Amino acid sequence: MKWNLRMKAAERGIWKSTEMRRQLAEAGLEISAGKMSALWIGTPTTIRLDDLDVICTVLDCTPTDLLICEPEAVAARKPSRPAAAEGSPGASRTPRLGRNRTPPPA
């Protein structure tokens, strides 16, 4: 995910984190200077949905405007699997689900 807070803020004419913090406070979200700096400078690892709602209200945007998916980054994290020879111990097999299992209790 890419955090797009600064770009959305700039589109609304907010160029400094202190101005953003002031507008969030006016909307009912008191945020510490340290937390505001972290939101402004980098991508947060977590964010409360209530806080995200206030941020979106102040910036007149939606969460999808702030959180941009990066499918290529996800694909790069996926481990590559070497093609295994058919019949070898590491070869891919179709799982046989439900075989030799008793029915669930009634």
Protein backbone atom coordinates (compact mmCIF):
# COMPACT_ATOMS: atom_id res chain seq x y z
CA MET A 1 0.00 0.00 0.00
CA LYS A 2 1.12 3.49 -0.75
CA TRP A 3 0.09 6.25 1.70
CA ASN A 4 -1.04 9.30 -0.25
CA LEU A 5 -1.78 11.79 2.56
CA ARG A 6 0.59 14.56 1.49
CA MET A 7 -0.63 14.56 -2.12
CA LYS A 8 -4.29 14.72 -1.09
CA ALA A 9 -3.49 17.45 1.42
CA ALA A 10 -1.63 19.45 -1.25
CA GLU A 11 -4.65 19.16 -3.54
CA ARG A 12 -6.66 20.87 -0.77
CA GLY A 13 -4.02 23.60 -0.30
CA ILE A 14 -2.53 22.13 2.87
CA TRP A 15 1.25 22.26 2.59
CA LYS A 16 2.39 21.80 6.19
CA SER A 17 1.68 19.10 8.74
CA THR A 18 0.92 21.78 11.35
CA GLU A 19 -1.91 23.11 9.18
CA MET A 20 -3.25 19.58 8.68
CA ARG A 21 -3.05 18.97 12.42
CA ARG A 22 -4.98 22.19 13.10
CA GLN A 23 -7.73 21.23 10.65
CA LEU A 24 -7.98 17.74 12.14
CA ALA A 25 -8.33 19.29 15.61
CA GLU A 26 -11.13 21.53 14.32
CA ALA A 27 -12.86 18.39 13.02
CA GLY A 28 -12.54 16.70 16.43
CA LEU A 29 -9.36 14.67 16.07
CA GLU A 30 -6.64 15.75 18.49
CA ILE A 31 -3.40 14.24 17.25
CA SER A 32 0.04 14.56 18.84
CA ALA A 33 2.79 16.34 16.93
CA GLY A 34 4.77 13.09 16.78
CA LYS A 35 1.89 11.08 15.37
CA MET A 36 1.08 13.82 12.86
CA SER A 37 4.71 13.87 11.77
CA ALA A 38 4.67 10.09 11.29
CA LEU A 39 1.46 10.28 9.23
CA TRP A 40 2.84 13.19 7.19
CA ILE A 41 6.30 11.77 6.47
CA GLY A 42 5.78 8.03 6.08
CA THR A 43 3.30 5.22 5.63
CA PRO A 44 1.58 4.26 8.88
CA THR A 45 1.69 0.59 9.84
CA THR A 46 -1.71 0.99 11.50
CA ILE A 47 -4.40 3.64 11.55
CA ARG A 48 -7.66 3.70 13.45
CA LEU A 49 -10.73 3.71 11.25
CA ASP A 50 -12.19 6.60 13.27
CA ASP A 51 -9.04 8.63 12.58
CA LEU A 52 -9.14 7.71 8.89
CA ASP A 53 -12.75 8.84 8.74
CA VAL A 54 -11.85 12.30 10.12
CA ILE A 55 -8.85 12.61 7.78
CA CYS A 56 -11.07 11.77 4.80
CA THR A 57 -13.66 14.31 5.95
CA VAL A 58 -11.05 17.08 6.28
CA LEU A 59 -9.52 16.27 2.89
CA ASP A 60 -12.91 15.61 1.24
CA CYS A 61 -11.73 12.25 -0.07
CA THR A 62 -12.26 8.52 0.41
CA PRO A 63 -9.92 5.91 1.94
CA THR A 64 -9.11 4.67 -1.56
CA ASP A 65 -7.70 8.13 -2.32
CA LEU A 66 -5.32 7.81 0.65
CA LEU A 67 -4.46 4.11 0.37
CA ILE A 68 -3.24 3.19 -3.09
CA CYS A 69 -2.83 -0.51 -3.91
CA GLU A 70 0.48 -1.61 -5.37
CA PRO A 71 -0.08 -5.08 -6.90
CA GLU A 72 3.44 -5.15 -8.35
CA ALA A 73 4.87 -4.83 -4.82
CA VAL A 74 2.74 -7.78 -3.71
CA ALA A 75 3.88 -9.83 -6.70
CA ALA A 76 7.52 -9.04 -5.88
CA ARG A 77 7.06 -10.42 -2.34
CA LYS A 78 5.62 -13.71 -3.57
CA PRO A 79 8.23 -16.48 -3.27
CA SER A 80 9.16 -18.09 -6.54
CA ARG A 81 8.69 -21.84 -6.78
CA PRO A 82 10.94 -23.93 -8.97
CA ALA A 83 9.11 -26.32 -11.26
CA ALA A 84 9.28 -29.75 -9.60
CA ALA A 85 9.60 -32.90 -11.64
CA GLU A 86 6.44 -35.00 -11.87
CA GLY A 87 6.43 -37.75 -9.27
CA SER A 88 9.25 -36.27 -7.21
CA PRO A 89 8.62 -35.67 -3.47
CA GLY A 90 8.27 -31.92 -3.97
CA ALA A 91 5.92 -32.14 -6.96
CA SER A 92 2.64 -30.32 -6.66
CA ARG A 93 -0.31 -32.55 -5.90
CA THR A 94 -4.03 -32.04 -5.93
CA PRO A 95 -5.28 -32.27 -2.36
CA ARG A 96 -7.94 -34.87 -1.67
CA LEU A 97 -10.16 -33.12 0.80
CA GLY A 98 -12.73 -35.09 2.75
CA ARG A 99 -11.25 -38.50 2.00
CA ASN A 100 -11.50 -40.97 4.91
CA ARG A 101 -13.15 -38.42 7.15
CA THR A 102 -16.15 -38.96 9.32
CA PRO A 103 -19.14 -36.64 8.92
CA PRO A 104 -19.39 -33.77 11.42
CA PRO A 105 -21.56 -34.29 14.50
CA ALA A 106 -25.24 -33.40 14.12
